[in-house]
């Protein structure tokens, strides 16, 4: 499967666990877009949620599969790499 830049952006935002609000802030995507991509990536196993009831405290985190998709995307698109901050 090939991921889009939007999926890559959200995966990158969840690299070290991020709440919905943090994903929204880091990506600047609207809520509808974030909902769409988070639900899809949860369903295919690219990210996991800290709890089943999505809330402001739910933390989204990459799975091992998600990490491999980030790596594949960055190899194929070196000019589109998003720098992850070291926090």
N, C-alpha and C. Protein backbone atom coordinates (compact mmCIF):
# COMPACT_ATOMS: atom_id res chain seq x y z
N UNK A 1 0.83 -1.18 0.00
CA UNK A 1 0.00 0.00 0.00
C UNK A 1 0.88 1.25 0.00
N UNK A 2 0.49 2.21 -0.76
CA UNK A 2 1.18 3.50 -0.81
C UNK A 2 0.36 4.49 0.00
N UNK A 3 1.03 5.27 0.85
CA UNK A 3 0.31 6.24 1.65
C UNK A 3 0.40 7.63 1.02
N UNK A 4 -0.56 8.46 1.34
CA UNK A 4 -0.59 9.83 0.83
C UNK A 4 0.22 10.73 1.75
N UNK A 5 0.45 11.98 1.31
CA UNK A 5 1.15 12.94 2.15
C UNK A 5 0.34 13.23 3.42
N UNK A 6 -0.99 13.27 3.31
CA UNK A 6 -1.83 13.52 4.49
C UNK A 6 -1.67 12.38 5.50
N UNK A 7 -1.70 11.14 5.04
CA UNK A 7 -1.49 10.01 5.94
C UNK A 7 -0.10 10.08 6.57
N UNK A 8 0.90 10.37 5.77
CA UNK A 8 2.27 10.50 6.26
C UNK A 8 2.35 11.58 7.33
N UNK A 9 1.69 12.72 7.09
CA UNK A 9 1.71 13.83 8.05
C UNK A 9 1.12 13.41 9.40
N UNK A 10 0.01 12.70 9.36
CA UNK A 10 -0.62 12.26 10.60
C UNK A 10 0.22 11.19 11.28
N UNK A 11 0.78 10.27 10.51
CA UNK A 11 1.66 9.25 11.10
C UNK A 11 2.86 9.91 11.78
N UNK A 12 3.43 10.90 11.13
CA UNK A 12 4.57 11.61 11.71
C UNK A 12 4.17 12.32 13.00
N UNK A 13 2.97 12.90 13.02
CA UNK A 13 2.48 13.59 14.22
C UNK A 13 2.30 12.63 15.39
N UNK A 14 2.00 11.37 15.10
CA UNK A 14 1.76 10.40 16.17
C UNK A 14 3.00 9.58 16.51
N UNK A 15 4.13 10.01 16.03
CA UNK A 15 5.37 9.24 16.21
C UNK A 15 5.66 8.90 17.67
N UNK A 16 5.44 9.85 18.56
CA UNK A 16 5.69 9.61 19.99
C UNK A 16 4.43 9.72 20.82
N UNK A 17 3.32 9.38 20.26
CA UNK A 17 2.03 9.43 20.92
C UNK A 17 1.52 10.87 20.95
N UNK A 18 0.36 11.08 20.40
CA UNK A 18 -0.23 12.42 20.32
C UNK A 18 -1.73 12.35 20.53
N UNK A 19 -2.26 13.34 21.20
CA UNK A 19 -3.70 13.46 21.35
C UNK A 19 -4.27 14.01 20.05
N UNK A 20 -5.59 13.97 19.94
CA UNK A 20 -6.26 14.50 18.76
C UNK A 20 -5.91 15.97 18.56
N UNK A 21 -5.93 16.74 19.65
CA UNK A 21 -5.62 18.17 19.57
C UNK A 21 -4.20 18.41 19.08
N UNK A 22 -3.27 17.57 19.52
CA UNK A 22 -1.89 17.71 19.07
C UNK A 22 -1.75 17.39 17.59
N UNK A 23 -2.44 16.35 17.14
CA UNK A 23 -2.41 16.01 15.70
C UNK A 23 -2.98 17.17 14.90
N UNK A 24 -4.07 17.74 15.38
CA UNK A 24 -4.70 18.87 14.69
C UNK A 24 -3.73 20.06 14.62
N UNK A 25 -3.05 20.34 15.70
CA UNK A 25 -2.09 21.46 15.75
C UNK A 25 -0.90 21.21 14.83
N UNK A 26 -0.33 20.01 14.89
CA UNK A 26 0.88 19.71 14.13
C UNK A 26 0.65 19.59 12.63
N UNK A 27 -0.55 19.17 12.25
CA UNK A 27 -0.82 18.99 10.82
C UNK A 27 -1.55 20.17 10.18
N UNK A 28 -2.27 20.94 10.98
CA UNK A 28 -3.11 22.05 10.49
C UNK A 28 -4.25 21.55 9.59
N UNK A 29 -4.62 20.28 9.72
CA UNK A 29 -5.74 19.73 8.96
C UNK A 29 -7.03 20.01 9.72
N UNK A 30 -8.16 20.05 8.99
CA UNK A 30 -9.44 20.25 9.68
C UNK A 30 -9.90 18.94 10.31
N UNK A 31 -10.88 19.06 11.21
CA UNK A 31 -11.35 17.91 11.98
C UNK A 31 -11.88 16.78 11.10
N UNK A 32 -12.61 17.12 10.06
CA UNK A 32 -13.17 16.09 9.18
C UNK A 32 -12.06 15.26 8.53
N UNK A 33 -11.03 15.93 8.08
CA UNK A 33 -9.91 15.24 7.43
C UNK A 33 -9.17 14.35 8.44
N UNK A 34 -8.92 14.88 9.63
CA UNK A 34 -8.22 14.10 10.66
C UNK A 34 -9.06 12.88 11.04
N UNK A 35 -10.36 13.08 11.26
CA UNK A 35 -11.24 11.95 11.60
C UNK A 35 -11.17 10.86 10.54
N UNK A 36 -11.27 11.27 9.29
CA UNK A 36 -11.25 10.32 8.17
C UNK A 36 -9.96 9.50 8.17
N UNK A 37 -8.83 10.18 8.25
CA UNK A 37 -7.56 9.47 8.18
C UNK A 37 -7.25 8.67 9.44
N UNK A 38 -7.57 9.20 10.61
CA UNK A 38 -7.32 8.43 11.84
C UNK A 38 -8.15 7.15 11.84
N UNK A 39 -9.42 7.23 11.49
CA UNK A 39 -10.26 6.02 11.46
C UNK A 39 -9.70 4.99 10.49
N UNK A 40 -9.31 5.45 9.30
CA UNK A 40 -8.75 4.52 8.32
C UNK A 40 -7.45 3.88 8.79
N UNK A 41 -6.57 4.69 9.40
CA UNK A 41 -5.28 4.15 9.84
C UNK A 41 -5.42 3.26 11.07
N UNK A 42 -6.42 3.53 11.91
CA UNK A 42 -6.72 2.61 13.02
C UNK A 42 -7.19 1.27 12.47
N UNK A 43 -8.07 1.31 11.47
CA UNK A 43 -8.64 0.09 10.90
C UNK A 43 -7.60 -0.80 10.23
N UNK A 44 -6.58 -0.19 9.62
CA UNK A 44 -5.57 -1.02 8.94
C UNK A 44 -4.32 -1.24 9.78
N UNK A 45 -4.32 -0.71 11.00
CA UNK A 45 -3.24 -1.03 11.94
C UNK A 45 -1.99 -0.17 11.84
N UNK A 46 -2.08 1.02 11.23
CA UNK A 46 -0.90 1.88 11.16
C UNK A 46 -0.69 2.66 12.46
N UNK A 47 -1.78 2.91 13.18
CA UNK A 47 -1.71 3.56 14.48
C UNK A 47 -2.60 2.80 15.45
N UNK A 48 -2.40 3.04 16.74
CA UNK A 48 -3.28 2.47 17.75
C UNK A 48 -3.69 3.58 18.70
N UNK A 49 -4.84 3.38 19.36
CA UNK A 49 -5.36 4.36 20.30
C UNK A 49 -5.21 3.84 21.71
N UNK A 50 -4.97 4.75 22.66
CA UNK A 50 -4.79 4.35 24.05
C UNK A 50 -6.09 3.86 24.67
N UNK A 51 -7.23 4.27 24.14
CA UNK A 51 -8.51 3.74 24.59
C UNK A 51 -9.50 3.72 23.43
N UNK A 52 -10.56 2.96 23.59
CA UNK A 52 -11.51 2.78 22.49
C UNK A 52 -12.47 3.95 22.32
N UNK A 53 -12.68 4.72 23.37
CA UNK A 53 -13.58 5.87 23.30
C UNK A 53 -12.78 7.12 23.01
N UNK A 54 -12.82 7.57 21.78
CA UNK A 54 -12.04 8.75 21.38
C UNK A 54 -12.45 9.95 22.24
N UNK A 55 -11.47 10.55 22.87
CA UNK A 55 -11.69 11.73 23.69
C UNK A 55 -10.45 12.61 23.60
N UNK A 56 -10.46 13.74 24.29
CA UNK A 56 -9.30 14.64 24.26
C UNK A 56 -8.07 14.02 24.90
N UNK A 57 -8.27 12.97 25.71
CA UNK A 57 -7.12 12.33 26.36
C UNK A 57 -6.65 11.08 25.63
N UNK A 58 -7.36 10.67 24.59
CA UNK A 58 -6.95 9.52 23.80
C UNK A 58 -5.62 9.83 23.12
N UNK A 59 -4.68 8.93 23.26
CA UNK A 59 -3.37 9.11 22.65
C UNK A 59 -3.25 8.17 21.46
N UNK A 60 -2.88 8.71 20.32
CA UNK A 60 -2.67 7.92 19.10
C UNK A 60 -1.19 7.70 18.94
N UNK A 61 -0.82 6.46 18.66
CA UNK A 61 0.59 6.10 18.57
C UNK A 61 0.84 5.18 17.39
N UNK A 62 2.00 5.32 16.80
CA UNK A 62 2.38 4.47 15.67
C UNK A 62 2.53 3.02 16.10
N UNK A 63 2.18 2.13 15.22
CA UNK A 63 2.49 0.72 15.40
C UNK A 63 3.78 0.45 14.63
N UNK A 64 4.31 -0.75 14.76
CA UNK A 64 5.51 -1.11 14.00
C UNK A 64 5.25 -1.01 12.50
N UNK A 65 4.04 -1.38 12.09
CA UNK A 65 3.68 -1.28 10.67
C UNK A 65 3.68 0.18 10.24
N UNK A 66 3.15 1.06 11.09
CA UNK A 66 3.14 2.50 10.80
C UNK A 66 4.53 3.05 10.62
N UNK A 67 5.46 2.61 11.47
CA UNK A 67 6.85 3.05 11.36
C UNK A 67 7.44 2.62 10.02
N UNK A 68 7.16 1.39 9.62
CA UNK A 68 7.70 0.92 8.34
C UNK A 68 7.11 1.69 7.16
N UNK A 69 5.84 2.11 7.26
CA UNK A 69 5.23 2.91 6.19
C UNK A 69 5.86 4.30 6.13
N UNK A 70 6.18 4.89 7.28
CA UNK A 70 6.90 6.17 7.29
C UNK A 70 8.25 6.01 6.60
N UNK A 71 8.98 4.97 6.96
CA UNK A 71 10.30 4.73 6.36
C UNK A 71 10.20 4.54 4.85
N UNK A 72 9.22 3.76 4.40
CA UNK A 72 9.03 3.54 2.97
C UNK A 72 8.69 4.85 2.25
N UNK A 73 7.82 5.64 2.86
CA UNK A 73 7.43 6.92 2.27
C UNK A 73 8.64 7.85 2.16
N UNK A 74 9.44 7.91 3.21
CA UNK A 74 10.60 8.81 3.20
C UNK A 74 11.66 8.36 2.19
N UNK A 75 11.83 7.06 2.00
CA UNK A 75 12.76 6.58 0.97
C UNK A 75 12.28 6.96 -0.43
N UNK A 76 10.97 6.87 -0.64
CA UNK A 76 10.41 7.16 -1.97
C UNK A 76 10.24 8.66 -2.22
N UNK A 77 10.16 9.47 -1.16
CA UNK A 77 9.90 10.90 -1.29
C UNK A 77 10.84 11.72 -0.42
N UNK A 78 12.14 11.69 -0.68
CA UNK A 78 13.09 12.37 0.20
C UNK A 78 12.89 13.88 0.29
N UNK A 79 12.29 14.49 -0.72
CA UNK A 79 12.06 15.94 -0.68
C UNK A 79 10.84 16.33 0.14
N UNK A 80 10.04 15.36 0.56
CA UNK A 80 8.82 15.65 1.31
C UNK A 80 8.91 15.20 2.78
N UNK A 81 10.10 14.94 3.26
CA UNK A 81 10.27 14.46 4.64
C UNK A 81 9.92 15.57 5.63
N UNK A 82 9.13 15.22 6.62
CA UNK A 82 8.78 16.13 7.70
C UNK A 82 9.75 15.87 8.84
N UNK A 83 10.43 16.90 9.27
CA UNK A 83 11.37 16.76 10.39
C UNK A 83 10.60 16.58 11.68
N UNK A 84 10.95 15.55 12.43
CA UNK A 84 10.33 15.32 13.72
C UNK A 84 11.13 16.04 14.79
N UNK A 85 10.45 16.76 15.66
CA UNK A 85 11.15 17.45 16.73
C UNK A 85 11.53 16.45 17.82
N UNK A 86 12.63 16.70 18.44
CA UNK A 86 13.10 15.84 19.52
C UNK A 86 12.66 16.50 20.83
N UNK A 87 11.56 16.01 21.38
CA UNK A 87 11.01 16.60 22.62
C UNK A 87 11.15 15.65 23.76
